[in-house]
């Protein structure tokens, strides 16, 4: 009997603020002060979702160049 193939995992396109904080290894306080003012959020009711591409854009914009280290 051949094993069934599992479908590929569904890509994560957005995450909660708590998940974004975990992904960046930062606290919620740092999120509110440093990150949230600079990114676009998706609001669904009272929920705030962080698009993965926005988080990647923010990281890219704040990454140090090799000579800045």
PDB file of N, CA and C in Angstrom:
ATOM      1  N   UNK A   1       0.841  -1.188   0.000  1.00  0.00           N
ATOM      2  CA  UNK A   1       0.000   0.000   0.000  1.00  0.00           C
ATOM      3  C   UNK A   1       0.889   1.255   0.000  1.00  0.00           C
ATOM      4  N   UNK A   2       0.629   2.168  -0.912  1.00  0.00           N
ATOM      5  CA  UNK A   2       1.423   3.390  -0.987  1.00  0.00           C
ATOM      6  C   UNK A   2       0.851   4.430  -0.029  1.00  0.00           C
ATOM      7  N   UNK A   3       1.739   5.158   0.643  1.00  0.00           N
ATOM      8  CA  UNK A   3       1.245   6.182   1.576  1.00  0.00           C
ATOM      9  C   UNK A   3       0.593   7.340   0.818  1.00  0.00           C
ATOM     10  N   UNK A   4      -0.395   7.929   1.455  1.00  0.00           N
ATOM     11  CA  UNK A   4      -1.064   9.102   0.865  1.00  0.00           C
ATOM     12  C   UNK A   4      -0.168  10.320   0.979  1.00  0.00           C
ATOM     13  N   UNK A   5      -0.189  11.107  -0.040  1.00  0.00           N
ATOM     14  CA  UNK A   5       0.560  12.369   0.000  1.00  0.00           C
ATOM     15  C   UNK A   5      -0.245  13.399   0.781  1.00  0.00           C
ATOM     16  N   UNK A   6       0.448  14.067   1.648  1.00  0.00           N
ATOM     17  CA  UNK A   6      -0.180  15.148   2.387  1.00  0.00           C
ATOM     18  C   UNK A   6      -0.159  16.410   1.527  1.00  0.00           C
ATOM     19  N   UNK A   7      -1.236  17.177   1.546  1.00  0.00           N
ATOM     20  CA  UNK A   7      -1.207  18.436   0.790  1.00  0.00           C
ATOM     21  C   UNK A   7      -0.181  19.380   1.415  1.00  0.00           C
ATOM     22  N   UNK A   8       0.396  20.254   0.614  1.00  0.00           N
ATOM     23  CA  UNK A   8       1.366  21.192   1.185  1.00  0.00           C
ATOM     24  C   UNK A   8       0.682  22.087   2.215  1.00  0.00           C
ATOM     25  N   UNK A   9       1.425  22.527   3.226  1.00  0.00           N
ATOM     26  CA  UNK A   9       0.813  23.391   4.236  1.00  0.00           C
ATOM     27  C   UNK A   9       0.341  24.713   3.629  1.00  0.00           C
ATOM     28  N   UNK A  10      -0.719  25.236   4.168  1.00  0.00           N
ATOM     29  CA  UNK A  10      -1.242  26.519   3.716  1.00  0.00           C
ATOM     30  C   UNK A  10      -0.274  27.616   4.141  1.00  0.00           C
ATOM     31  N   UNK A  11       0.158  28.482   3.223  1.00  0.00           N
ATOM     32  CA  UNK A  11       1.103  29.534   3.603  1.00  0.00           C
ATOM     33  C   UNK A  11       0.458  30.545   4.545  1.00  0.00           C
ATOM     34  N   UNK A  12       1.254  31.021   5.470  1.00  0.00           N
ATOM     35  CA  UNK A  12       0.780  32.036   6.418  1.00  0.00           C
ATOM     36  C   UNK A  12       0.937  33.404   5.755  1.00  0.00           C
ATOM     37  N   UNK A  13      -0.171  34.039   5.430  1.00  0.00           N
ATOM     38  CA  UNK A  13      -0.126  35.352   4.780  1.00  0.00           C
ATOM     39  C   UNK A  13      -0.215  36.495   5.782  1.00  0.00           C
ATOM     40  N   UNK A  14      -0.790  36.215   6.953  1.00  0.00           N
ATOM     41  CA  UNK A  14      -0.918  37.234   7.990  1.00  0.00           C
ATOM     42  C   UNK A  14      -0.863  36.548   9.342  1.00  0.00           C
ATOM     43  N   UNK A  15      -0.474  37.315  10.346  1.00  0.00           N
ATOM     44  CA  UNK A  15      -0.383  36.771  11.700  1.00  0.00           C
ATOM     45  C   UNK A  15      -0.931  37.781  12.690  1.00  0.00           C
ATOM     46  N   UNK A  16      -1.232  37.293  13.882  1.00  0.00           N
ATOM     47  CA  UNK A  16      -1.698  38.196  14.929  1.00  0.00           C
ATOM     48  C   UNK A  16      -0.519  39.040  15.406  1.00  0.00           C
ATOM     49  N   UNK A  17      -0.816  40.080  16.152  1.00  0.00           N
ATOM     50  CA  UNK A  17       0.247  40.924  16.710  1.00  0.00           C
ATOM     51  C   UNK A  17       1.120  40.096  17.645  1.00  0.00           C
ATOM     52  N   UNK A  18       0.511  39.227  18.450  1.00  0.00           N
ATOM     53  CA  UNK A  18       1.292  38.381  19.356  1.00  0.00           C
ATOM     54  C   UNK A  18       2.237  37.475  18.572  1.00  0.00           C
ATOM     55  N   UNK A  19       1.769  36.914  17.472  1.00  0.00           N
ATOM     56  CA  UNK A  19       2.623  36.070  16.640  1.00  0.00           C
ATOM     57  C   UNK A  19       3.746  36.886  15.998  1.00  0.00           C
ATOM     58  N   UNK A  20       3.432  38.107  15.584  1.00  0.00           N
ATOM     59  CA  UNK A  20       4.456  38.980  15.001  1.00  0.00           C
ATOM     60  C   UNK A  20       5.522  39.320  16.041  1.00  0.00           C
ATOM     61  N   UNK A  21       5.105  39.591  17.267  1.00  0.00           N
ATOM     62  CA  UNK A  21       6.064  39.849  18.348  1.00  0.00           C
ATOM     63  C   UNK A  21       6.959  38.639  18.561  1.00  0.00           C
ATOM     64  N   UNK A  22       6.353  37.456  18.583  1.00  0.00           N
ATOM     65  CA  UNK A  22       7.137  36.228  18.736  1.00  0.00           C
ATOM     66  C   UNK A  22       8.103  36.055  17.573  1.00  0.00           C
ATOM     67  N   UNK A  23       7.632  36.335  16.365  1.00  0.00           N
ATOM     68  CA  UNK A  23       8.481  36.165  15.177  1.00  0.00           C
ATOM     69  C   UNK A  23       9.688  37.106  15.225  1.00  0.00           C
ATOM     70  N   UNK A  24       9.505  38.287  15.803  1.00  0.00           N
ATOM     71  CA  UNK A  24      10.591  39.263  15.904  1.00  0.00           C
ATOM     72  C   UNK A  24      11.378  39.140  17.210  1.00  0.00           C
ATOM     73  N   UNK A  25      10.890  38.305  18.122  1.00  0.00           N
ATOM     74  CA  UNK A  25      11.506  38.155  19.457  1.00  0.00           C
ATOM     75  C   UNK A  25      11.544  39.481  20.201  1.00  0.00           C
ATOM     76  N   UNK A  26      10.401  40.176  20.174  1.00  0.00           N
ATOM     77  CA  UNK A  26      10.290  41.455  20.884  1.00  0.00           C
ATOM     78  C   UNK A  26       9.057  41.433  21.774  1.00  0.00           C
ATOM     79  N   UNK A  27       9.004  42.365  22.714  1.00  0.00           N
ATOM     80  CA  UNK A  27       7.844  42.484  23.594  1.00  0.00           C
ATOM     81  C   UNK A  27       6.745  43.288  22.909  1.00  0.00           C
ATOM     82  N   UNK A  28       5.554  43.211  23.473  1.00  0.00           N
ATOM     83  CA  UNK A  28       4.431  43.986  22.943  1.00  0.00           C
ATOM     84  C   UNK A  28       4.709  45.489  23.073  1.00  0.00           C
ATOM     85  N   UNK A  29       5.363  45.887  24.163  1.00  0.00           N
ATOM     86  CA  UNK A  29       5.672  47.309  24.367  1.00  0.00           C
ATOM     87  C   UNK A  29       6.590  47.828  23.262  1.00  0.00           C
ATOM     88  N   UNK A  30       7.602  47.049  22.912  1.00  0.00           N
ATOM     89  CA  UNK A  30       8.501  47.448  21.817  1.00  0.00           C
ATOM     90  C   UNK A  30       7.734  47.457  20.499  1.00  0.00           C
ATOM     91  N   UNK A  31       6.854  46.486  20.310  1.00  0.00           N
ATOM     92  CA  UNK A  31       6.014  46.445  19.106  1.00  0.00           C
ATOM     93  C   UNK A  31       5.235  47.745  18.958  1.00  0.00           C
ATOM     94  N   UNK A  32       4.534  48.147  20.028  1.00  0.00           N
ATOM     95  CA  UNK A  32       3.695  49.351  19.974  1.00  0.00           C
ATOM     96  C   UNK A  32       4.533  50.601  19.706  1.00  0.00           C
ATOM     97  N   UNK A  33       5.697  50.678  20.311  1.00  0.00           N
ATOM     98  CA  UNK A  33       6.526  51.881  20.208  1.00  0.00           C
ATOM     99  C   UNK A  33       7.328  51.941  18.917  1.00  0.00           C
ATOM    100  N   UNK A  34       7.899  50.814  18.472  1.00  0.00           N
ATOM    101  CA  UNK A  34       8.864  50.837  17.376  1.00  0.00           C
ATOM    102  C   UNK A  34       8.343  50.322  16.035  1.00  0.00           C
ATOM    103  N   UNK A  35       7.478  49.321  16.071  1.00  0.00           N
ATOM    104  CA  UNK A  35       7.113  48.643  14.826  1.00  0.00           C
ATOM    105  C   UNK A  35       5.739  49.075  14.313  1.00  0.00           C
ATOM    106  N   UNK A  36       4.721  48.972  15.158  1.00  0.00           N
ATOM    107  CA  UNK A  36       3.354  49.223  14.697  1.00  0.00           C
ATOM    108  C   UNK A  36       3.161  50.576  14.007  1.00  0.00           C
ATOM    109  N   UNK A  37       3.803  51.654  14.482  1.00  0.00           N
ATOM    110  CA  UNK A  37       3.607  52.937  13.783  1.00  0.00           C
ATOM    111  C   UNK A  37       4.103  52.943  12.335  1.00  0.00           C
ATOM    112  N   UNK A  38       4.952  51.989  11.971  1.00  0.00           N
ATOM    113  CA  UNK A  38       5.568  52.009  10.648  1.00  0.00           C
ATOM    114  C   UNK A  38       5.009  50.980   9.669  1.00  0.00           C
ATOM    115  N   UNK A  39       4.041  50.182  10.091  1.00  0.00           N
ATOM    116  CA  UNK A  39       3.538  49.155   9.180  1.00  0.00           C
ATOM    117  C   UNK A  39       2.030  49.279   8.994  1.00  0.00           C
ATOM    118  N   UNK A  40       1.576  48.687   7.898  1.00  0.00           N
ATOM    119  CA  UNK A  40       0.139  48.638   7.632  1.00  0.00           C
ATOM    120  C   UNK A  40      -0.421  47.367   8.267  1.00  0.00           C
ATOM    121  N   UNK A  41      -1.561  47.511   8.922  1.00  0.00           N
ATOM    122  CA  UNK A  41      -2.234  46.380   9.536  1.00  0.00           C
ATOM    123  C   UNK A  41      -3.541  46.115   8.808  1.00  0.00           C
ATOM    124  N   UNK A  42      -4.025  44.909   8.932  1.00  0.00           N
ATOM    125  CA  UNK A  42      -5.342  44.552   8.410  1.00  0.00           C
ATOM    126  C   UNK A  42      -6.262  44.430   9.614  1.00  0.00           C
ATOM    127  N   UNK A  43      -7.337  45.195   9.606  1.00  0.00           N
ATOM    128  CA  UNK A  43      -8.290  45.121  10.715  1.00  0.00           C
ATOM    129  C   UNK A  43      -9.504  44.310  10.274  1.00  0.00           C
ATOM    130  N   UNK A  44      -9.841  43.345  11.105  1.00  0.00           N
ATOM    131  CA  UNK A  44     -11.047  42.542  10.910  1.00  0.00           C
ATOM    132  C   UNK A  44     -11.797  42.607  12.228  1.00  0.00           C
ATOM    133  N   UNK A  45     -12.833  43.421  12.259  1.00  0.00           N
ATOM    134  CA  UNK A  45     -13.511  43.663  13.525  1.00  0.00           C
ATOM    135  C   UNK A  45     -12.531  44.338  14.470  1.00  0.00           C
ATOM    136  N   UNK A  46     -12.367  43.759  15.648  1.00  0.00           N
ATOM    137  CA  UNK A  46     -11.417  44.325  16.607  1.00  0.00           C
ATOM    138  C   UNK A  46     -10.023  43.705  16.487  1.00  0.00           C
ATOM    139  N   UNK A  47      -9.891  42.715  15.615  1.00  0.00           N
ATOM    140  CA  UNK A  47      -8.596  42.045  15.441  1.00  0.00           C
ATOM    141  C   UNK A  47      -7.678  42.839  14.528  1.00  0.00           C
ATOM    142  N   UNK A  48      -6.400  42.790  14.831  1.00  0.00           N
ATOM    143  CA  UNK A  48      -5.371  43.374  13.981  1.00  0.00           C
ATOM    144  C   UNK A  48      -4.532  42.230  13.461  1.00  0.00           C
ATOM    145  N   UNK A  49      -4.386  42.152  12.148  1.00  0.00           N
ATOM    146  CA  UNK A  49      -3.530  41.150  11.535  1.00  0.00           C
ATOM    147  C   UNK A  49      -2.357  41.847  10.852  1.00  0.00           C
ATOM    148  N   UNK A  50      -1.218  41.212  10.939  1.00  0.00           N
ATOM    149  CA  UNK A  50       0.001  41.754  10.364  1.00  0.00           C
ATOM    150  C   UNK A  50       0.333  40.960   9.100  1.00  0.00           C
ATOM    151  N   UNK A  51       0.258  41.586   7.928  1.00  0.00           N
ATOM    152  CA  UNK A  51       0.641  40.880   6.712  1.00  0.00           C
ATOM    153  C   UNK A  51       2.120  40.485   6.767  1.00  0.00           C
ATOM    154  N   UNK A  52       2.411  39.269   6.386  1.00  0.00           N
ATOM    155  CA  UNK A  52       3.785  38.761   6.388  1.00  0.00           C
ATOM    156  C   UNK A  52       4.709  39.677   5.590  1.00  0.00           C
ATOM    157  N   UNK A  53       4.228  40.165   4.454  1.00  0.00           N
ATOM    158  CA  UNK A  53       5.074  41.021   3.612  1.00  0.00           C
ATOM    159  C   UNK A  53       5.392  42.346   4.295  1.00  0.00           C
ATOM    160  N   UNK A  54       4.477  42.855   5.112  1.00  0.00           N
ATOM    161  CA  UNK A  54       4.741  44.099   5.848  1.00  0.00           C
ATOM    162  C   UNK A  54       5.844  43.885   6.876  1.00  0.00           C
ATOM    163  N   UNK A  55       5.799  42.757   7.554  1.00  0.00           N
ATOM    164  CA  UNK A  55       6.827  42.439   8.541  1.00  0.00           C
ATOM    165  C   UNK A  55       8.185  42.272   7.861  1.00  0.00           C
ATOM    166  N   UNK A  56       8.196  41.611   6.721  1.00  0.00           N
ATOM    167  CA  UNK A  56       9.439  41.452   5.968  1.00  0.00           C
ATOM    168  C   UNK A  56       9.959  42.793   5.462  1.00  0.00           C
ATOM    169  N   UNK A  57       9.050  43.662   5.018  1.00  0.00           N
ATOM    170  CA  UNK A  57       9.454  44.995   4.547  1.00  0.00           C
ATOM    171  C   UNK A  57      10.079  45.795   5.684  1.00  0.00           C
ATOM    172  N   UNK A  58       9.437  45.744   6.873  1.00  0.00           N
ATOM    173  CA  UNK A  58       9.949  46.470   8.033  1.00  0.00           C
ATOM    174  C   UNK A  58      11.332  45.956   8.409  1.00  0.00           C
ATOM    175  N   UNK A  59      11.499  44.643   8.417  1.00  0.00           N
ATOM    176  CA  UNK A  59      12.804  44.064   8.743  1.00  0.00           C
ATOM    177  C   UNK A  59      13.868  44.514   7.753  1.00  0.00           C
ATOM    178  N   UNK A  60      13.524  44.486   6.482  1.00  0.00           N
ATOM    179  CA  UNK A  60      14.478  44.887   5.451  1.00  0.00           C
ATOM    180  C   UNK A  60      14.869  46.355   5.618  1.00  0.00           C
ATOM    181  N   UNK A  61      13.903  47.199   5.925  1.00  0.00           N
ATOM    182  CA  UNK A  61      14.164  48.630   6.084  1.00  0.00           C
ATOM    183  C   UNK A  61      15.034  48.921   7.319  1.00  0.00           C
ATOM    184  N   UNK A  62      14.983  48.052   8.326  1.00  0.00           N
ATOM    185  CA  UNK A  62      15.710  48.289   9.565  1.00  0.00           C
ATOM    186  C   UNK A  62      16.957  47.414   9.727  1.00  0.00           C
ATOM    187  N   UNK A  63      17.263  46.642   8.718  1.00  0.00           N
ATOM    188  CA  UNK A  63      18.453  45.793   8.774  1.00  0.00           C
ATOM    189  C   UNK A  63      19.699  46.656   8.636  1.00  0.00           C
ATOM    190  N   UNK A  64      20.705  46.321   9.387  1.00  0.00           N
ATOM    191  CA  UNK A  64      21.958  47.050   9.292  1.00  0.00           C
ATOM    192  C   UNK A  64      22.747  46.576   8.080  1.00  0.00           C
ATOM    193  N   UNK A  65      23.337  47.520   7.413  1.00  0.00           N
ATOM    194  CA  UNK A  65      24.235  47.163   6.302  1.00  0.00           C
ATOM    195  C   UNK A  65      25.488  46.520   6.886  1.00  0.00           C
ATOM    196  N   UNK A  66      26.219  45.796   6.105  1.00  0.00           N
ATOM    197  CA  UNK A  66      27.416  45.098   6.580  1.00  0.00           C
ATOM    198  C   UNK A  66      28.414  46.066   7.233  1.00  0.00           C
ATOM    199  N   UNK A  67      28.515  47.272   6.720  1.00  0.00           N
ATOM    200  CA  UNK A  67      29.473  48.233   7.287  1.00  0.00           C
ATOM    201  C   UNK A  67      28.933  48.979   8.499  1.00  0.00           C
ATOM    202  N   UNK A  68      27.648  48.779   8.849  1.00  0.00           N
ATOM    203  CA  UNK A  68      27.050  49.433  10.021  1.00  0.00           C
ATOM    204  C   UNK A  68      27.160  48.581  11.277  1.00  0.00           C
ATOM    205  N   UNK A  69      27.622  47.341  11.141  1.00  0.00           N
ATOM    206  CA  UNK A  69      27.646  46.424  12.283  1.00  0.00           C
ATOM    207  C   UNK A  69      28.654  46.788  13.292  1.00  0.00           C
TER     208      UNK A  69
END
